Amino acid sequence: MGAADKEAVEETVLADLHASGEISDSGEWASSHSIDHGVLCDVIKSLTGFELVSSKELSRETWVLEPEAEEYVEHGSAEMQVFLAVPPEGITMAELKAKVGEKVFSVGQKNAMSRKWIQMQKPLIVRRVDSPEDSIRKHLMAVKEGQEVSPEVIKELKSRKLISRKLWKGYEVTKGLKFALKRSKPVTDVTRDMLRSGSWKVHEYKEYNFDALGLPVEGGHLHPLLKVRAAFKKIFLAMGFEEMPTNNYVESSFWNFDALFQPQAHPARDSHDTFFLKTPARTIELPEDYLQRVKTIHEVGGHESIGYGYDWKREEAEKNLLRTHTTAVSSRMLYKLAQEGFKPKRYFSIDRVFRNEAVDRTHLCEFHQIEGLICDRGLTLGDLIGVLHEFFGRLGMTRLRFKPAYNPYTEPSAEIFGYHEQLQKWVEIGNSGMFRPEMLLPMGLPPGVYEVHQRAHLSPRHSRLEEYLGDTDSR
């Protein structure tokens, strides 16, 4: 039914309500006006939404005919079809089955015999009565027309699966708050012409539903790298660490290398591995007293160290670069801790670092580092290993191995390996060590204070942690 037909039904409903005041049963009303009840229900719902009518839902259970019963209403019940197929002289069972069909025969022959309409006189089936009454067809027609039938009849028809129960829903309809003989479409927007003519004063406006929910937003999913970062951060915080500020991507060579007791001739300072800045090429200021202590420890040593024995150059330390590791942040934090008065601390950071290297399918010029350090008195390598077992254990890496390694600013140093159950092999997952006295004592930290340090990369640059975590790569 089209929109025009629905409009006609709507006008008929409103006119009838205007005359009689109510429609007590939408089903009966639809039958009396020869209108499809489903279309009428749609019209009533629409009119109710605009408050032209007020409706109350009605429901009742009814019996409806199954397809087999519809055939019986048209052609007679199966037993009647079998009876009529038997001629006065009789018929063989095979001929009767071929005449009415196997489906009708299997049901009708048994029921016709039980009602004593036919009997078997071998080899023929013959009639026993002249004109029996087809009560099944009669009862089915009564059900179809909505007439009352006895419970015994319902039980019989239901047992033969000729009828089924159906829930009927309809409406009782009365006039609504905004009843009118014709629906007027409310205006949704005030136009310039309406303001000029003043017609906006007489229009009916559609109300805004401020409680209506908008369309659900599709998107806003966390990037896999952010999920990994959140997992690491949660573990660090649960272990009592506090996060270091890592928003300083541009760093001086002093804090990135020199403060970490990394010699100025170290290959990591080469332009093939480090991004140096052209503008500004040099840092503005450095802590002079600390700078002199770092210069001395590099050139001649101290604190029972012989140093590196080379001519340390300030201009090399002043060069600006993109930090090559987050340990540059650690050096600043430890120096600040020494100036403010030492107290035990646990620090961590998760952020970007930059290396000048060839780009391929697993490498970019930037990646993320995870770094943690603990500073306290009397720490040992055993404390470091215990912390590493706790940290990686919370990530599900329970089998660890440690291999001696070299770092300019840690001694002893150890690479960390975890056993990958799916790959069935050991993979490198990080680096660690204890900061050297040549790094800590020039900062002003008191003797006997040690820092255990751990670091991992969320990229294939130095470790295989991303392989352990399901190939998560920050690049």
Protein backbone atom coordinates (compact mmCIF):
# COMPACT_ATOMS: atom_id res chain seq x y z
CA MET A 1 0.00 0.00 0.00
CA GLY A 2 1.39 3.38 -1.04
CA ALA A 3 1.59 6.68 0.82
CA ALA A 4 -1.60 7.94 -0.85
CA ASP A 5 -3.54 4.88 0.37
CA LYS A 6 -2.24 5.39 3.92
CA GLU A 7 -3.35 9.02 3.78
CA ALA A 8 -6.83 7.85 2.77
CA VAL A 9 -6.92 5.42 5.71
CA GLU A 10 -5.73 8.19 8.03
CA GLU A 11 -8.49 10.55 6.87
CA THR A 12 -11.09 7.80 7.33
CA VAL A 13 -9.87 7.07 10.88
CA LEU A 14 -9.93 10.75 11.88
CA ALA A 15 -13.38 11.27 10.35
CA ASP A 16 -14.78 8.22 12.14
CA LEU A 17 -13.28 9.36 15.45
CA HIS A 18 -14.79 12.80 14.94
CA ALA A 19 -18.20 11.22 14.42
CA SER A 20 -18.19 8.40 16.99
CA GLY A 21 -15.47 9.47 19.44
CA GLU A 22 -13.67 6.10 19.55
CA ILE A 23 -12.66 2.93 17.74
CA SER A 24 -13.08 0.15 20.29
CA ASP A 25 -11.34 -2.57 18.31
CA SER A 26 -9.04 -1.89 15.37
CA GLY A 27 -9.48 -5.45 14.07
CA GLU A 28 -13.24 -5.23 13.81
CA TRP A 29 -13.00 -1.69 12.40
CA ALA A 30 -10.51 -2.85 9.72
CA SER A 31 -12.84 -5.73 8.72
CA SER A 32 -15.91 -3.48 8.50
CA HIS A 33 -14.07 -0.98 6.28
CA SER A 34 -12.23 -3.65 4.20
CA ILE A 35 -8.82 -2.26 5.23
CA ASP A 36 -5.70 -4.30 5.91
CA HIS A 37 -5.23 -4.40 9.67
CA GLY A 38 -1.42 -4.07 9.41
CA VAL A 39 -1.77 -0.83 7.43
CA LEU A 40 -4.30 0.46 9.97
CA CYS A 41 -1.89 -0.27 12.86
CA ASP A 42 0.87 1.70 11.09
CA VAL A 43 -1.49 4.67 10.68
CA ILE A 44 -2.56 4.52 14.34
CA LYS A 45 1.07 4.45 15.52
CA SER A 46 1.90 7.49 13.38
CA LEU A 47 -1.15 9.45 14.58
CA THR A 48 -0.32 8.53 18.20
CA GLY A 49 3.20 9.88 17.80
CA PHE A 50 1.82 13.26 16.73
CA GLU A 51 -0.78 13.16 19.56
CA LEU A 52 -3.70 13.35 17.12
CA VAL A 53 -5.08 10.18 18.68
CA SER A 54 -4.60 8.28 21.89
CA SER A 55 -4.28 4.51 21.54
CA LYS A 56 -4.38 1.58 23.93
CA GLU A 57 -2.88 -1.73 22.86
CA LEU A 58 -5.15 -4.77 22.73
CA SER A 59 -4.02 -8.36 22.49
CA ARG A 60 -5.74 -11.72 22.34
CA GLU A 61 -4.91 -15.22 21.27
CA THR A 62 -6.56 -16.62 18.16
CA TRP A 63 -6.38 -19.86 16.19
CA VAL A 64 -5.22 -19.77 12.59
CA LEU A 65 -5.30 -22.45 9.91
CA GLU A 66 -2.18 -24.22 8.76
CA PRO A 67 -1.60 -24.63 4.98
CA GLU A 68 -2.94 -28.22 5.09
CA ALA A 69 -6.16 -26.98 6.73
CA GLU A 70 -6.57 -24.32 4.05
CA GLU A 71 -6.56 -27.12 1.46
CA TYR A 72 -9.22 -29.00 3.45
CA VAL A 73 -11.43 -25.89 3.53
CA GLU A 74 -11.21 -25.67 -0.27
CA HIS A 75 -11.37 -29.37 -1.24
CA GLY A 76 -12.76 -31.10 1.84
CA SER A 77 -11.00 -33.02 4.61
CA ALA A 78 -8.68 -35.89 3.77
CA GLU A 79 -11.23 -38.50 4.90
CA MET A 80 -13.95 -36.88 2.80
CA GLN A 81 -11.67 -36.82 -0.25
CA VAL A 82 -10.93 -40.53 0.26
CA PHE A 83 -14.66 -41.35 0.73
CA LEU A 84 -15.65 -39.51 -2.46
CA ALA A 85 -12.89 -41.32 -4.38
CA VAL A 86 -14.42 -44.72 -3.52
CA PRO A 87 -17.04 -45.66 -6.20
CA PRO A 88 -20.18 -47.62 -5.22
CA GLU A 89 -18.73 -50.81 -6.70
CA GLY A 90 -15.53 -50.45 -4.65
CA ILE A 91 -11.86 -49.88 -5.48
CA THR A 92 -8.54 -51.53 -4.73
CA MET A 93 -6.20 -49.92 -2.26
CA ALA A 94 -3.54 -49.31 -4.91
CA GLU A 95 -6.06 -47.63 -7.21
CA LEU A 96 -7.39 -45.47 -4.38
CA LYS A 97 -3.91 -44.36 -3.39
CA ALA A 98 -3.12 -43.44 -6.99
CA LYS A 99 -6.42 -41.58 -7.30
CA VAL A 100 -6.14 -39.26 -4.24
CA GLY A 101 -2.38 -39.15 -3.79
CA GLU A 102 -0.22 -40.75 -1.11
CA LYS A 103 -0.43 -37.81 1.36
CA VAL A 104 -4.25 -37.60 1.37
CA PHE A 105 -4.56 -41.40 1.34
CA SER A 106 -2.28 -41.92 4.37
CA VAL A 107 -4.39 -39.52 6.49
CA GLY A 108 -7.84 -39.91 4.96
CA GLN A 109 -8.02 -43.71 4.66
CA LYS A 110 -7.30 -44.24 8.37
CA ASN A 111 -9.73 -41.52 9.52
CA ALA A 112 -12.47 -42.60 7.10
CA MET A 113 -12.27 -46.16 8.43
CA SER A 114 -12.27 -45.00 12.07
CA ARG A 115 -15.42 -42.97 11.32
CA LYS A 116 -16.87 -46.12 9.64
CA TRP A 117 -17.40 -44.40 6.30
CA ILE A 118 -15.53 -47.13 4.40
CA GLN A 119 -14.46 -50.72 5.06
CA MET A 120 -12.14 -53.32 3.64
CA GLN A 121 -13.70 -56.20 1.72
CA LYS A 122 -10.68 -57.87 0.16
CA PRO A 123 -9.50 -57.09 -2.33
CA LEU A 124 -11.65 -53.96 -2.44
CA ILE A 125 -12.39 -50.92 -0.29
CA VAL A 126 -16.14 -50.17 -0.29
CA ARG A 127 -18.45 -47.53 1.17
CA ARG A 128 -20.42 -48.19 4.37
CA VAL A 129 -22.54 -44.97 4.33
CA ASP A 130 -24.15 -42.91 1.60
CA SER A 131 -23.47 -39.23 2.46
CA PRO A 132 -21.44 -38.53 5.63
CA GLU A 133 -21.03 -35.03 7.08
CA ASP A 134 -17.55 -33.46 6.71
CA SER A 135 -17.36 -32.06 10.26
CA ILE A 136 -13.62 -31.33 10.01
CA ARG A 137 -14.14 -28.95 7.09
CA LYS A 138 -17.09 -27.39 8.91
CA HIS A 139 -15.02 -26.76 12.06
CA LEU A 140 -12.09 -25.37 10.06
CA MET A 141 -14.35 -22.89 8.29
CA ALA A 142 -15.72 -21.79 11.68
CA VAL A 143 -12.20 -21.20 13.00
CA LYS A 144 -11.25 -19.27 9.88
CA GLU A 145 -14.28 -17.01 10.23
CA GLY A 146 -13.55 -16.37 13.92
CA GLN A 147 -16.58 -18.25 15.26
CA GLU A 148 -16.64 -19.96 18.63
CA VAL A 149 -15.84 -23.67 18.61
CA SER A 150 -15.84 -26.12 21.50
CA PRO A 151 -12.62 -27.07 23.37
CA GLU A 152 -13.06 -30.68 22.18
CA VAL A 153 -13.00 -29.53 18.56
CA ILE A 154 -9.95 -27.33 19.18
CA LYS A 155 -8.18 -30.29 20.81
CA GLU A 156 -8.90 -32.53 17.82
CA LEU A 157 -7.83 -29.96 15.22
CA LYS A 158 -4.69 -29.14 17.22
CA SER A 159 -3.77 -32.83 17.57
CA ARG A 160 -3.97 -33.16 13.78
CA LYS A 161 -1.78 -30.01 13.46
CA LEU A 162 -4.40 -28.26 11.37
CA ILE A 163 -4.48 -25.10 13.52
CA SER A 164 -1.97 -23.11 15.55
CA ARG A 165 -2.21 -20.41 18.18
CA LYS A 166 -1.39 -16.83 17.18
CA LEU A 167 -1.18 -13.69 19.31
CA TRP A 168 -3.28 -10.93 17.76
CA LYS A 169 -2.45 -7.32 18.57
CA GLY A 170 -4.58 -4.32 17.85
CA TYR A 171 -5.62 -0.97 19.32
CA GLU A 172 -8.44 0.84 21.04
CA VAL A 173 -8.34 4.41 19.68
CA THR A 174 -9.71 7.69 21.06
CA LYS A 175 -9.13 11.37 20.29
CA GLY A 176 -5.74 12.79 21.26
CA LEU A 177 -4.65 16.10 22.76
CA LYS A 178 -4.00 17.59 19.31
CA PHE A 179 -6.91 15.92 17.51
CA ALA A 180 -7.81 17.38 14.13
CA LEU A 181 -9.58 16.13 11.02
CA LYS A 182 -6.35 16.50 9.02
CA ARG A 183 -2.77 16.19 10.04
CA SER A 184 -0.71 19.36 9.69
CA LYS A 185 2.99 18.88 9.15
CA PRO A 186 4.94 20.82 11.78
CA VAL A 187 7.68 23.20 10.65
CA THR A 188 11.23 22.27 11.62
CA ASP A 189 13.11 25.47 10.66
CA VAL A 190 12.35 29.19 10.63
CA THR A 191 13.24 30.65 7.22
CA ARG A 192 14.08 34.22 6.20
CA ASP A 193 10.82 34.48 4.22
CA MET A 194 8.82 33.44 7.29
CA LEU A 195 10.51 36.15 9.36
CA ARG A 196 9.88 38.79 6.69
CA SER A 197 6.19 37.93 6.22
CA GLY A 198 5.49 37.22 9.88
CA SER A 199 4.05 33.81 9.04
CA TRP A 200 6.31 32.22 11.63
CA LYS A 201 3.78 33.31 14.27
CA VAL A 202 1.01 31.00 13.00
CA HIS A 203 3.02 27.90 12.17
CA GLU A 204 3.14 24.78 14.33
CA TYR A 205 6.71 23.81 15.14
CA LYS A 206 8.18 20.40 15.69
CA GLU A 207 9.42 19.93 19.23
CA TYR A 208 13.06 19.07 19.80
CA ASN A 209 13.76 15.88 21.66
CA PHE A 210 16.81 16.73 23.70
CA ASP A 211 16.79 13.28 25.30
CA ALA A 212 17.17 11.44 21.99
CA LEU A 213 20.45 9.58 21.57
CA GLY A 214 22.62 10.39 18.59
CA LEU A 215 24.13 7.88 16.22
CA PRO A 216 26.84 5.79 17.86
CA VAL A 217 30.33 6.98 16.98
CA GLU A 218 32.28 4.47 14.97
CA GLY A 219 35.97 4.87 15.66
CA GLY A 220 38.19 6.14 18.40
CA HIS A 221 40.00 2.85 18.92
CA LEU A 222 43.33 2.75 20.69
CA HIS A 223 46.39 2.12 18.53
CA PRO A 224 48.12 -1.18 19.42
CA LEU A 225 51.22 0.77 20.49
CA LEU A 226 49.15 2.85 22.92
CA LYS A 227 47.71 -0.34 24.40
CA VAL A 228 51.22 -1.68 24.98
CA ARG A 229 52.32 1.63 26.50
CA ALA A 230 49.34 1.60 28.83
CA ALA A 231 50.18 -1.95 29.95
CA PHE A 232 53.80 -1.01 30.72
CA LYS A 233 52.79 2.17 32.53
CA LYS A 234 50.29 0.28 34.69
CA ILE A 235 53.00 -2.20 35.74
CA PHE A 236 55.52 0.54 36.56
CA LEU A 237 53.00 2.44 38.67
CA ALA A 238 51.98 -0.75 40.48
CA MET A 239 55.67 -1.33 41.35
CA GLY A 240 56.00 2.13 42.87
CA PHE A 241 57.70 3.96 39.99
CA GLU A 242 56.97 7.58 39.05
CA GLU A 243 57.07 8.85 35.48
CA MET A 244 59.85 11.12 34.25
CA PRO A 245 59.10 14.11 31.98
CA THR A 246 60.07 13.06 28.44
CA ASN A 247 58.70 15.92 26.33
CA ASN A 248 62.17 17.22 25.47
CA TYR A 249 62.98 15.60 22.10
CA VAL A 250 65.83 18.02 21.37
CA GLU A 251 68.75 17.44 23.71
CA SER A 252 72.33 18.57 24.01
CA SER A 253 75.22 16.19 23.51
CA PHE A 254 76.21 16.95 27.10
CA TRP A 255 73.12 15.36 28.67
CA ASN A 256 72.74 12.72 25.96
CA PHE A 257 76.37 11.53 25.98
CA ASP A 258 78.87 13.35 28.23
CA ALA A 259 76.90 13.17 31.47
CA LEU A 260 76.58 9.41 30.87
CA PHE A 261 80.39 9.01 30.78
CA GLN A 262 80.23 8.29 27.06
CA PRO A 263 83.47 9.46 25.39
CA GLN A 264 83.31 12.07 22.64
CA ALA A 265 84.98 9.67 20.21
CA HIS A 266 82.31 7.03 20.76
CA PRO A 267 80.82 5.74 17.43
CA ALA A 268 77.27 6.53 18.65
CA ARG A 269 78.11 10.25 18.32
CA ASP A 270 78.89 9.88 14.64
CA SER A 271 76.52 11.63 12.22
CA HIS A 272 75.71 8.24 10.71
CA ASP A 273 73.92 7.29 13.93
CA THR A 274 72.80 10.64 15.42
CA PHE A 275 70.63 13.46 14.11
CA PHE A 276 72.44 16.74 14.82
CA LEU A 277 70.53 20.03 14.52
CA LYS A 278 71.60 22.84 12.21
CA THR A 279 69.40 25.47 13.88
CA PRO A 280 69.89 25.93 16.78
CA ALA A 281 73.16 24.08 16.46
CA ARG A 282 74.31 24.65 20.06
CA THR A 283 72.71 24.65 23.48
CA ILE A 284 72.22 27.94 25.33
CA GLU A 285 73.52 27.01 28.78
CA LEU A 286 74.91 24.16 30.81
CA PRO A 287 75.59 23.84 34.59
CA GLU A 288 79.21 25.08 34.71
CA ASP A 289 80.36 23.41 37.92
CA TYR A 290 78.92 20.07 36.88
CA LEU A 291 80.32 20.50 33.35
CA GLN A 292 83.82 20.93 34.78
CA ARG A 293 83.47 17.78 36.88
CA VAL A 294 82.32 15.83 33.81
CA LYS A 295 85.26 17.23 31.81
CA THR A 296 87.69 16.12 34.51
CA ILE A 297 86.26 12.59 34.82
CA HIS A 298 86.55 12.17 31.03
CA GLU A 299 90.09 13.51 30.71
CA VAL A 300 91.96 12.31 33.82
CA GLY A 301 89.41 10.30 35.78
CA GLY A 302 88.69 10.44 39.51
CA HIS A 303 86.81 8.48 42.14
CA GLU A 304 89.26 5.61 41.56
CA SER A 305 88.78 5.81 37.77
CA ILE A 306 91.51 6.64 35.24
CA GLY A 307 89.00 8.26 32.82
CA TYR A 308 89.46 8.07 29.07
CA GLY A 309 92.64 10.16 28.77
CA TYR A 310 91.66 12.45 25.88
CA ASP A 311 91.19 16.17 25.31
CA TRP A 312 87.50 16.82 26.14
CA LYS A 313 85.97 19.60 24.02
CA ARG A 314 83.16 21.84 25.21
CA GLU A 315 82.00 22.62 21.67
CA GLU A 316 81.30 18.93 21.16
CA ALA A 317 79.20 18.79 24.33
CA GLU A 318 77.19 21.86 23.30
CA LYS A 319 75.94 20.33 20.03
CA ASN A 320 72.17 19.94 19.84
CA LEU A 321 70.66 16.68 18.63
CA LEU A 322 67.52 14.58 18.64
CA ARG A 323 67.93 12.39 21.69
CA THR A 324 69.19 8.93 20.83
CA HIS A 325 67.89 7.36 24.06
CA THR A 326 65.63 8.26 26.98
CA THR A 327 68.62 7.79 29.31
CA ALA A 328 69.32 11.47 28.57
CA VAL A 329 66.20 12.17 30.65
CA SER A 330 67.51 9.86 33.37
CA SER A 331 70.78 11.82 33.56
CA ARG A 332 68.87 15.09 34.06
CA MET A 333 66.64 13.53 36.74
CA LEU A 334 69.58 12.08 38.67
CA TYR A 335 71.44 15.40 38.57
CA LYS A 336 68.31 17.19 39.82
CA LEU A 337 67.91 14.60 42.59
CA ALA A 338 71.52 15.21 43.67
CA GLN A 339 71.03 19.00 43.82
CA GLU A 340 67.76 18.78 45.79
CA GLY A 341 69.13 16.34 48.34
CA PHE A 342 69.25 12.63 47.71
CA LYS A 343 66.40 10.35 48.66
CA PRO A 344 65.55 6.90 47.26
CA LYS A 345 63.55 7.09 44.02
CA ARG A 346 62.06 4.89 41.32
CA TYR A 347 61.68 6.48 37.88
CA PHE A 348 60.35 5.26 34.54
CA SER A 349 59.75 6.68 31.06
CA ILE A 350 58.13 5.52 27.81
CA ASP A 351 58.73 7.78 24.82
CA ARG A 352 60.34 8.33 21.43
CA VAL A 353 63.99 8.36 20.56
CA PHE A 354 65.67 8.99 17.20
CA ARG A 355 68.49 7.25 15.32
CA ASN A 356 69.81 8.08 11.86
CA GLU A 357 69.69 4.74 10.08
CA ALA A 358 68.50 3.18 6.83
CA VAL A 359 64.75 2.72 6.56
CA ASP A 360 63.44 -0.77 5.76
CA ARG A 361 60.37 -2.86 6.57
CA THR A 362 61.31 -3.10 10.29
CA HIS A 363 63.18 0.17 10.82
CA LEU A 364 62.41 3.87 10.88
CA CYS A 365 64.39 6.81 12.16
CA GLU A 366 62.34 6.86 15.39
CA PHE A 367 61.12 4.26 17.85
CA HIS A 368 59.98 4.02 21.46
CA GLN A 369 62.03 3.11 24.51
CA ILE A 370 60.86 1.79 27.87
CA GLU A 371 63.22 2.75 30.66
CA GLY A 372 63.18 2.27 34.41
CA LEU A 373 65.71 3.02 37.14
CA ILE A 374 65.90 2.63 40.92
CA CYS A 375 68.33 4.67 43.02
CA ASP A 376 69.07 3.80 46.65
CA ARG A 377 71.91 2.93 48.97
CA GLY A 378 73.41 -0.55 48.96
CA LEU A 379 71.84 -1.83 45.77
CA THR A 380 73.45 -4.85 44.09
CA LEU A 381 73.22 -6.76 40.84
CA GLY A 382 70.92 -9.21 42.62
CA ASP A 383 68.44 -6.40 43.27
CA LEU A 384 68.49 -5.54 39.57
CA ILE A 385 67.83 -9.14 38.54
CA GLY A 386 65.01 -9.42 41.07
CA VAL A 387 63.34 -6.26 39.76
CA LEU A 388 63.67 -7.54 36.18
CA HIS A 389 62.05 -10.86 37.10
CA GLU A 390 59.17 -9.02 38.77
CA PHE A 391 58.67 -6.57 35.88
CA PHE A 392 58.79 -9.06 33.03
CA GLY A 393 56.88 -11.64 35.07
CA ARG A 394 53.93 -9.23 35.16
CA LEU A 395 54.09 -9.20 31.36
CA GLY A 396 53.88 -12.99 31.29
CA MET A 397 57.62 -13.57 30.67
CA THR A 398 58.55 -15.93 33.48
CA ARG A 399 61.70 -17.52 32.01
CA LEU A 400 64.60 -15.04 31.81
CA ARG A 401 68.30 -15.31 31.07
CA PHE A 402 71.03 -12.67 31.40
CA LYS A 403 74.12 -12.23 29.27
CA PRO A 404 77.06 -9.92 30.13
CA ALA A 405 77.14 -6.84 27.90
CA TYR A 406 78.96 -3.50 27.48
CA ASN A 407 77.42 -0.06 28.00
CA PRO A 408 79.58 3.07 28.50
CA TYR A 409 77.56 4.18 31.51
CA THR A 410 76.74 0.88 33.29
CA GLU A 411 79.00 -1.72 34.88
CA PRO A 412 78.10 -4.51 35.29
CA SER A 413 75.76 -4.62 32.29
CA ALA A 414 73.49 -7.44 31.13
CA GLU A 415 71.33 -8.15 28.11
CA ILE A 416 67.96 -9.72 28.99
CA PHE A 417 66.57 -12.73 27.14
CA GLY A 418 63.10 -14.26 27.53
CA TYR A 419 61.94 -17.67 26.36
CA HIS A 420 59.20 -17.42 23.72
CA GLU A 421 56.87 -20.42 24.08
CA GLN A 422 55.33 -20.07 20.61
CA LEU A 423 58.64 -19.54 18.81
CA GLN A 424 60.32 -22.13 21.03
CA LYS A 425 63.46 -20.02 21.38
CA TRP A 426 65.14 -17.33 23.47
CA VAL A 427 64.70 -13.76 22.23
CA GLU A 428 66.39 -10.56 23.42
CA ILE A 429 63.91 -8.33 25.28
CA GLY A 430 66.06 -5.60 26.83
CA ASN A 431 69.27 -4.27 28.31
CA SER A 432 70.19 -3.42 31.88
CA GLY A 433 72.98 -2.54 34.25
CA MET A 434 74.19 -0.52 37.25
CA PHE A 435 75.21 3.11 36.57
CA ARG A 436 78.96 3.66 36.90
CA PRO A 437 80.47 5.78 39.69
CA GLU A 438 82.08 7.95 36.96
CA MET A 439 78.53 8.97 36.01
CA LEU A 440 76.92 9.28 39.44
CA LEU A 441 79.58 10.87 41.68
CA PRO A 442 80.27 13.97 39.49
CA MET A 443 76.53 14.71 39.74
CA GLY A 444 76.90 15.18 43.47
CA LEU A 445 75.22 11.98 44.58
CA PRO A 446 76.72 10.66 47.85
CA PRO A 447 79.04 7.63 47.81
CA GLY A 448 77.27 4.34 48.40
CA VAL A 449 74.30 5.34 46.25
CA TYR A 450 73.67 3.01 43.34
CA GLU A 451 71.21 3.05 40.47
CA VAL A 452 69.98 -0.09 38.77
CA HIS A 453 68.81 0.59 35.24
CA GLN A 454 66.75 -1.36 32.74
CA ARG A 455 65.77 -0.50 29.19
CA ALA A 456 63.82 -2.10 26.35
CA HIS A 457 62.87 -1.00 22.85
CA LEU A 458 59.45 -1.23 21.24
CA SER A 459 61.16 -1.89 17.91
CA PRO A 460 63.72 -4.25 16.38
CA ARG A 461 66.46 -1.59 16.78
CA HIS A 462 68.32 -3.19 19.70
CA SER A 463 66.01 -5.83 21.14
CA ARG A 464 63.27 -8.28 20.24
CA LEU A 465 60.66 -7.22 22.79
CA GLU A 466 58.10 -6.60 20.03
CA GLU A 467 58.55 -10.21 18.92
CA TYR A 468 57.61 -11.33 22.42
CA LEU A 469 54.58 -9.02 22.47
CA GLY A 470 53.13 -10.15 19.17
CA ASP A 471 55.22 -8.11 16.72
CA THR A 472 54.22 -4.69 18.14
CA ASP A 473 56.35 -2.07 16.42
CA SER A 474 56.24 1.62 17.25
CA ARG A 475 57.22 2.49 13.73
